[in-house]
C-alpha cells in the first residue's frame, strides 16, 4: 500500500469557529516555510491542533512574519466573518 498524501491534516479555528482539515500534502508544503522559522515537526503541529487559518495563509504566501500573519488574519476574518 502506498502513502496517502491526501490524509486530513487539522487546521485550528479561533474560539467560536469550526475547525477543518486540509490534505497532508498542503500541510507539508506549508511546513517547508514554517521550518525556516521554527523547529516543531509537522507531526507535533498536528497534535496541537494544526496551523491556524492565518498561519496557513501566511505560510503559503511565504510571509511567516508577525506582520504577515496579522495581514493574513485580516484577510481570513474578512472572508469568514463578512
Protein backbone atom coordinates (compact mmCIF):
# COMPACT_ATOMS: atom_id res chain seq x y z
CA UNK A 1 0.00 0.00 0.00
CA UNK A 2 1.35 3.43 -0.91
CA UNK A 3 1.44 6.51 1.27
CA UNK A 4 -1.75 8.59 1.03
CA UNK A 5 -0.79 12.27 0.94
CA UNK A 6 -4.46 13.26 0.92
CA UNK A 7 -4.92 12.29 4.56
CA UNK A 8 -6.60 15.10 6.50
CA UNK A 9 -4.41 17.49 8.49
CA UNK A 10 -6.14 19.71 11.07
CA UNK A 11 -6.50 23.45 10.74
CA UNK A 12 -7.27 25.06 14.05
CA UNK A 13 -10.02 27.57 14.48
CA UNK A 14 -10.43 30.63 16.61
CA UNK A 15 -12.78 30.42 19.55
CA UNK A 16 -16.31 30.03 18.27
CA UNK A 17 -15.27 28.80 14.82
CA UNK A 18 -15.33 25.29 13.44
CA UNK A 19 -12.02 23.65 12.71
CA UNK A 20 -11.41 21.99 9.38
CA UNK A 21 -8.77 19.95 7.56
CA UNK A 22 -6.52 20.27 4.54
CA UNK A 23 -4.76 17.48 2.64
CA UNK A 24 -1.46 16.38 4.15
CA UNK A 25 0.46 17.37 1.00
CA UNK A 26 -0.61 21.00 1.52
CA UNK A 27 0.37 20.89 5.19
CA UNK A 28 3.78 19.52 4.16
CA UNK A 29 4.19 22.39 1.70
CA UNK A 30 3.30 24.94 4.39
CA UNK A 31 5.65 23.21 6.84
CA UNK A 32 8.59 23.78 4.50
CA UNK A 33 8.22 27.53 5.10
CA UNK A 34 7.41 27.03 8.80
CA UNK A 35 10.63 25.04 9.27
CA UNK A 36 12.65 28.06 8.12
CA UNK A 37 11.49 29.83 11.31
CA UNK A 38 10.77 27.07 13.86
CA UNK A 39 11.87 23.52 14.68
CA UNK A 40 8.50 21.99 15.59
CA UNK A 41 7.71 18.91 13.48
CA UNK A 42 4.62 18.69 11.32
CA UNK A 43 3.51 15.75 13.45
CA UNK A 44 3.68 17.86 16.63
CA UNK A 45 1.84 20.74 14.96
CA UNK A 46 -0.93 18.30 14.08
CA UNK A 47 -1.06 17.05 17.67
CA UNK A 48 -1.58 20.58 18.96
CA UNK A 49 -4.46 21.21 16.54
CA UNK A 50 -2.69 22.19 13.34
CA UNK A 51 -1.81 25.54 11.86
CA UNK A 52 -4.28 28.35 12.42
CA UNK A 53 -6.06 29.63 9.32
CA UNK A 54 -3.96 32.81 9.37
CA UNK A 55 -0.73 30.85 9.83
CA UNK A 56 -1.59 28.66 6.86
CA UNK A 57 -2.25 31.66 4.61
CA UNK A 58 0.95 33.39 5.74
CA UNK A 59 2.97 30.21 5.18
CA UNK A 60 1.60 29.70 1.67
CA UNK A 61 2.41 33.35 0.91
CA UNK A 62 5.96 32.76 2.21
CA UNK A 63 5.40 35.62 4.66
CA UNK A 64 5.52 33.90 8.04
CA UNK A 65 6.30 37.05 10.00
CA UNK A 66 4.25 38.77 12.69
CA UNK A 67 3.06 41.29 10.11
CA UNK A 68 2.40 38.57 7.52
CA UNK A 69 0.30 36.58 9.99
CA UNK A 70 -1.53 39.74 11.09
CA UNK A 71 -2.38 40.60 7.47
CA UNK A 72 -3.44 37.03 6.74
CA UNK A 73 -5.71 37.11 9.81
CA UNK A 74 -7.38 40.26 8.48
CA UNK A 75 -7.90 38.56 5.13
CA UNK A 76 -9.27 35.37 6.67
CA UNK A 77 -11.51 37.25 9.09
CA UNK A 78 -12.91 39.30 6.22
CA UNK A 79 -13.87 36.12 4.39
CA UNK A 80 -15.16 34.13 7.33
CA UNK A 81 -16.96 36.84 9.28
CA UNK A 82 -18.08 39.13 6.47
